[in-house]
């Protein structure tokens, strides 16, 4: 922890070498988390950059109550949710525009070239089905499930990122699994 405090101080002092080290250590993890939420390489890359810009800007306000990685995950999840909300607003506007004679709507829900490094599927279609089902979960269930199953965070780490108790994380993941089981069962029953 003392080593982390020194590293954080180097970041606060705007030491360029420390920032490079931070990016090297966390870039892949942040990108994979963004990709889990956004399902698009380009959006994940943009959001990853935003995360590191935010970390750089606000590291001086980091109170070190949690670990640096937990704080970065919290920023990552927030940036992803903000991106999705903004994207949904754009879609609603595009729908309104198309109703009144505007451009056709471009669907970006699930690009055909989506590949998540944390999930290996021989059949890409099954991956699309799983991620579409995950998107139907409630926000907190989706966040907890994604952080645990795709980003491999422990319940304790997730509780720190989401600022909830470990038992709440357990409950969210349990409910997410049950809901996914129902969603996927219905899908496969309908598509036999």
Protein backbone atom coordinates (compact mmCIF):
# COMPACT_ATOMS: atom_id res chain seq x y z
CA UNK A 1 0.00 0.00 0.00
CA UNK A 2 2.89 2.33 0.76
CA UNK A 3 4.28 1.62 -2.72
CA UNK A 4 0.89 2.53 -4.22
CA UNK A 5 0.81 5.78 -2.22
CA UNK A 6 4.20 6.76 -3.65
CA UNK A 7 2.99 5.92 -7.14
CA UNK A 8 -0.17 8.01 -6.64
CA UNK A 9 1.96 10.91 -5.45
CA UNK A 10 4.00 10.65 -8.65
CA UNK A 11 0.75 10.86 -10.60
CA UNK A 12 -0.38 13.87 -8.55
CA UNK A 13 2.96 15.49 -9.32
CA UNK A 14 2.11 14.94 -13.02
CA UNK A 15 5.18 12.80 -13.57
CA UNK A 16 4.92 11.66 -17.19
CA UNK A 17 6.74 8.39 -16.55
CA UNK A 18 4.22 7.50 -13.83
CA UNK A 19 1.32 8.18 -16.16
CA UNK A 20 2.89 5.94 -18.84
CA UNK A 21 3.31 3.24 -16.21
CA UNK A 22 -0.33 3.64 -15.18
CA UNK A 23 -1.52 3.28 -18.77
CA UNK A 24 0.74 0.26 -19.37
CA UNK A 25 -0.58 -1.46 -16.23
CA UNK A 26 -4.29 -0.75 -16.69
CA UNK A 27 -4.99 -0.07 -20.37
CA UNK A 28 -5.88 -3.65 -21.28
CA UNK A 29 -8.12 -4.12 -18.22
CA UNK A 30 -9.91 -0.82 -18.79
CA UNK A 31 -10.37 -1.53 -22.51
CA UNK A 32 -11.77 -5.01 -21.83
CA UNK A 33 -14.21 -3.61 -19.28
CA UNK A 34 -15.29 -0.91 -21.73
CA UNK A 35 -15.69 -3.52 -24.44
CA UNK A 36 -17.83 -5.65 -22.12
CA UNK A 37 -20.22 -2.74 -21.66
CA UNK A 38 -20.09 -1.05 -25.07
CA UNK A 39 -19.66 -3.99 -27.48
CA UNK A 40 -17.76 -1.90 -30.00
CA UNK A 41 -13.98 -1.62 -30.34
CA UNK A 42 -14.02 2.02 -31.40
CA UNK A 43 -16.34 3.11 -28.58
CA UNK A 44 -14.29 1.06 -26.10
CA UNK A 45 -11.07 2.72 -27.28
CA UNK A 46 -12.57 6.21 -27.02
CA UNK A 47 -13.97 5.52 -23.57
CA UNK A 48 -10.67 4.00 -22.44
CA UNK A 49 -8.95 7.26 -23.38
CA UNK A 50 -11.60 9.21 -21.49
CA UNK A 51 -11.00 7.05 -18.41
CA UNK A 52 -7.28 7.81 -18.38
CA UNK A 53 -7.89 11.51 -18.98
CA UNK A 54 -10.29 11.49 -16.02
CA UNK A 55 -7.78 9.62 -13.86
CA UNK A 56 -5.08 12.11 -14.77
CA UNK A 57 -7.34 15.09 -14.07
CA UNK A 58 -8.78 13.86 -10.79
CA UNK A 59 -5.96 11.84 -9.20
CA UNK A 60 -5.28 14.79 -6.88
CA UNK A 61 -8.78 14.22 -5.40
CA UNK A 62 -8.29 10.47 -4.93
CA UNK A 63 -8.71 9.84 -1.20
CA UNK A 64 -7.08 6.37 -1.25
CA UNK A 65 -9.92 4.78 0.73
CA UNK A 66 -9.93 2.02 -1.89
CA UNK A 67 -7.12 0.70 -4.04
CA UNK A 68 -6.08 2.54 -7.18
CA UNK A 69 -7.41 -0.30 -9.36
CA UNK A 70 -10.82 -0.15 -7.66
CA UNK A 71 -10.97 3.60 -8.23
CA UNK A 72 -10.04 3.15 -11.90
CA UNK A 73 -12.72 0.46 -12.33
CA UNK A 74 -15.27 2.79 -10.74
CA UNK A 75 -14.35 5.54 -13.21
CA UNK A 76 -14.46 3.02 -16.07
CA UNK A 77 -17.94 1.76 -15.20
CA UNK A 78 -19.21 5.32 -14.79
CA UNK A 79 -17.76 6.41 -18.15
CA UNK A 80 -19.29 3.36 -19.87
CA UNK A 81 -22.71 4.00 -18.35
CA UNK A 82 -22.49 7.68 -19.31
CA UNK A 83 -21.56 6.69 -22.87
CA UNK A 84 -24.51 4.28 -23.09
CA UNK A 85 -26.93 6.91 -21.77
CA UNK A 86 -25.68 9.45 -24.30
CA UNK A 87 -25.88 6.83 -27.04
CA UNK A 88 -29.46 5.97 -26.06
CA UNK A 89 -30.40 9.66 -26.22
CA UNK A 90 -28.92 9.84 -29.73
CA UNK A 91 -30.91 6.74 -30.75
CA UNK A 92 -34.15 8.24 -29.42
CA UNK A 93 -33.42 11.43 -31.33
CA UNK A 94 -32.64 9.42 -34.48
CA UNK A 95 -35.93 7.54 -34.12
CA UNK A 96 -37.83 10.80 -33.81
CA UNK A 97 -35.93 12.17 -36.78
CA UNK A 98 -36.74 9.11 -38.88
CA UNK A 99 -40.43 9.34 -37.95
CA UNK A 100 -40.52 12.87 -39.27
CA UNK A 101 -38.54 12.27 -42.44
CA UNK A 102 -34.93 12.29 -41.27
CA UNK A 103 -32.15 9.84 -41.98
CA UNK A 104 -32.42 6.09 -41.52
CA UNK A 105 -31.40 4.77 -38.14
CA UNK A 106 -28.01 3.13 -37.95
CA UNK A 107 -28.17 0.11 -35.64
CA UNK A 108 -25.17 -0.15 -33.35
CA UNK A 109 -26.69 -2.46 -30.75
CA UNK A 110 -24.56 -5.39 -31.67
CA UNK A 111 -21.94 -5.16 -34.40
CA UNK A 112 -21.19 -8.31 -36.35
CA UNK A 113 -17.47 -8.03 -35.66
CA UNK A 114 -17.79 -7.97 -31.86
CA UNK A 115 -15.11 -10.04 -30.13
CA UNK A 116 -14.48 -9.86 -26.41
CA UNK A 117 -11.06 -11.15 -25.29
CA UNK A 118 -12.52 -12.46 -22.02
CA UNK A 119 -14.97 -14.73 -23.80
CA UNK A 120 -13.93 -17.40 -26.25
CA UNK A 121 -16.67 -18.81 -28.43
CA UNK A 122 -16.28 -21.19 -31.29
CA UNK A 123 -19.69 -20.00 -32.43
CA UNK A 124 -19.87 -16.19 -32.60
CA UNK A 125 -23.66 -16.39 -32.74
CA UNK A 126 -23.76 -17.86 -29.21
CA UNK A 127 -21.61 -14.96 -28.01
CA UNK A 128 -24.00 -12.45 -29.56
CA UNK A 129 -26.96 -14.20 -27.92
CA UNK A 130 -25.26 -14.19 -24.50
CA UNK A 131 -24.28 -10.52 -24.68
CA UNK A 132 -27.76 -9.56 -25.91
CA UNK A 133 -29.21 -11.39 -22.88
CA UNK A 134 -26.75 -9.63 -20.54
CA UNK A 135 -27.95 -6.29 -21.96
CA UNK A 136 -31.51 -7.15 -20.84
CA UNK A 137 -30.46 -7.41 -17.19
CA UNK A 138 -31.06 -4.52 -14.82
CA UNK A 139 -28.17 -2.07 -14.63
CA UNK A 140 -26.73 -3.22 -11.27
CA UNK A 141 -27.08 -6.91 -12.17
CA UNK A 142 -25.39 -6.26 -15.53
CA UNK A 143 -22.51 -4.35 -13.88
CA UNK A 144 -21.90 -6.97 -11.16
CA UNK A 145 -22.20 -9.89 -13.60
CA UNK A 146 -19.89 -8.27 -16.15
CA UNK A 147 -17.22 -7.30 -13.63
CA UNK A 148 -17.25 -10.79 -12.08
CA UNK A 149 -17.60 -13.05 -15.11
CA UNK A 150 -15.93 -11.08 -17.87
CA UNK A 151 -13.39 -8.98 -15.97
CA UNK A 152 -12.71 -11.59 -13.28
CA UNK A 153 -13.09 -9.25 -10.29
CA UNK A 154 -13.74 -10.76 -6.86
CA UNK A 155 -16.94 -10.02 -4.95
CA UNK A 156 -14.92 -7.79 -2.62
CA UNK A 157 -13.50 -5.78 -5.54
CA UNK A 158 -16.96 -5.45 -7.10
CA UNK A 159 -18.40 -4.26 -3.79
CA UNK A 160 -15.74 -1.54 -3.69
CA UNK A 161 -16.28 -0.53 -7.32
CA UNK A 162 -20.08 -0.40 -6.94
CA UNK A 163 -19.91 0.92 -3.36
CA UNK A 164 -22.25 -1.77 -2.03
CA UNK A 165 -21.89 -4.67 0.43
CA UNK A 166 -20.44 -8.02 -0.56
CA UNK A 167 -23.79 -9.68 0.20
CA UNK A 168 -25.46 -7.25 -2.21
CA UNK A 169 -22.94 -8.23 -4.89
CA UNK A 170 -23.64 -11.93 -4.23
CA UNK A 171 -27.36 -11.27 -4.53
CA UNK A 172 -27.00 -9.27 -7.75
CA UNK A 173 -24.87 -11.96 -9.38
CA UNK A 174 -27.22 -14.72 -8.23
CA UNK A 175 -30.24 -12.86 -9.65
CA UNK A 176 -28.34 -12.06 -12.85
CA UNK A 177 -27.54 -15.75 -13.37
CA UNK A 178 -31.16 -16.75 -12.74
CA UNK A 179 -32.43 -14.07 -15.13
CA UNK A 180 -29.91 -15.05 -17.79
CA UNK A 181 -30.90 -18.67 -17.40
CA UNK A 182 -34.56 -17.73 -18.04
CA UNK A 183 -33.73 -15.43 -20.96
CA UNK A 184 -31.50 -17.99 -22.66
CA UNK A 185 -33.90 -20.85 -21.96
CA UNK A 186 -36.71 -18.87 -23.62
CA UNK A 187 -34.48 -17.99 -26.56
CA UNK A 188 -33.44 -21.58 -27.22
CA UNK A 189 -37.01 -22.86 -26.77
CA UNK A 190 -38.29 -20.33 -29.34
CA UNK A 191 -35.45 -20.97 -31.80
CA UNK A 192 -35.37 -24.77 -31.94
